Protein backbone atom coordinates (compact mmCIF):
# COMPACT_ATOMS: atom_id res chain seq x y z
CA MET A 1 23.74 1.18 18.19
CA TRP A 2 26.55 1.71 15.66
CA ARG A 3 29.62 -0.48 16.07
CA GLU A 4 32.89 -0.31 14.18
CA GLU A 5 34.17 -3.65 12.90
CA LYS A 6 36.46 -4.56 10.01
CA ASN A 7 36.76 -0.95 8.80
CA ARG A 8 32.98 -0.48 8.68
CA LEU A 9 30.34 1.19 10.78
CA GLN A 10 27.52 -1.32 11.16
CA ALA A 11 24.05 -1.16 12.67
CA GLN A 12 20.77 -3.05 12.64
CA PHE A 13 17.41 -1.25 12.79
CA VAL A 14 14.14 -3.03 13.65
CA PHE A 15 10.69 -1.70 12.77
CA SER A 16 7.11 -2.77 13.35
CA ASP A 17 6.63 -4.05 9.79
CA PHE A 18 7.96 -4.02 6.23
CA PRO A 19 6.32 -0.74 5.11
CA GLU A 20 7.88 1.11 8.04
CA ALA A 21 11.32 -0.37 7.29
CA PHE A 22 10.97 0.52 3.61
CA THR A 23 9.92 4.09 4.43
CA PHE A 24 13.04 4.42 6.61
CA MET A 25 15.17 3.18 3.73
CA THR A 26 13.53 5.67 1.38
CA GLU A 27 14.40 8.53 3.73
CA ILE A 28 17.99 7.33 3.87
CA ALA A 29 18.10 7.05 0.07
CA PHE A 30 17.29 10.76 -0.25
CA LEU A 31 19.90 11.59 2.40
CA ALA A 32 22.50 9.46 0.62
CA GLU A 33 21.87 11.23 -2.67
CA LYS A 34 22.13 14.62 -1.00
CA LEU A 35 25.43 13.70 0.69
CA GLY A 36 26.78 11.71 -2.27
CA HIS A 37 27.51 8.89 0.17
CA HIS A 38 25.69 5.59 -0.31
CA PRO A 39 25.43 2.77 2.25
CA HIS A 40 25.72 -0.96 1.88
CA TRP A 41 22.43 -2.27 3.20
CA SER A 42 19.97 -5.10 3.28
CA ASN A 43 16.36 -5.45 4.28
CA VAL A 44 14.44 -8.51 5.38
CA TRP A 45 10.84 -7.79 6.39
CA ASN A 46 11.11 -5.41 9.39
CA THR A 47 14.90 -5.31 9.74
CA VAL A 48 17.38 -3.06 7.96
CA GLU A 49 21.12 -3.68 8.26
CA ILE A 50 23.47 -0.90 7.22
CA GLN A 51 27.23 -0.75 6.72
CA LEU A 52 29.11 2.47 6.05
CA THR A 53 32.61 2.96 4.62
CA THR A 54 34.17 5.64 2.48
CA HIS A 55 35.11 4.09 -0.86
CA ASP A 56 37.23 7.06 -1.96
CA ALA A 57 39.38 6.67 1.17
CA GLY A 58 40.09 2.99 0.56
CA ASN A 59 36.97 1.51 2.20
CA ILE A 60 37.71 2.70 5.71
CA VAL A 61 35.58 4.59 8.23
CA THR A 62 35.93 8.36 7.95
CA ASP A 63 34.18 11.41 9.37
CA LYS A 64 31.86 11.22 6.37
CA ASP A 65 30.63 7.83 7.62
CA ARG A 66 30.28 9.03 11.20
CA GLU A 67 28.23 12.04 10.07
CA MET A 68 25.95 9.85 7.97
CA ALA A 69 25.59 7.36 10.83
CA GLN A 70 24.45 10.16 13.13
CA ALA A 71 21.95 11.42 10.53
CA ILE A 72 20.58 7.87 10.08
CA LEU A 73 20.22 7.51 13.83
CA LEU A 74 18.18 10.74 13.98
CA ILE A 75 15.88 9.41 11.25
CA TYR A 76 15.47 6.11 13.12
CA GLN A 77 14.61 7.91 16.36
CA LYS A 78 11.56 9.43 14.67
CA TYR A 79 10.16 5.92 14.23
CA GLN A 80 10.94 4.98 17.81
CA ASN A 81 9.29 8.14 19.14
CA ALA A 82 6.20 7.58 17.02
CA ARG A 83 5.88 4.05 18.38
CA GLN A 84 6.02 5.33 21.97
CA ILE A 85 3.18 7.78 21.28
CA ASP A 86 0.89 5.07 19.83
């Protein structure tokens, strides 16, 4: 899911609708505040695109980005699992 390009970790996440995508973003916002590490992201209807770099390290990918990427993936999996149950 995550790919590294141009000194960024990038991923696209697709949801069933806008409220689900926005809820995902809200969960990530709380995570970002806790970690003090904020993503570049965009949202159009049911799709969220995220890019991670570490600004303090010169806008390159660091372990901090990889850890956040893994945490984001775990959050996303909750939505995928819920969809399979429905």
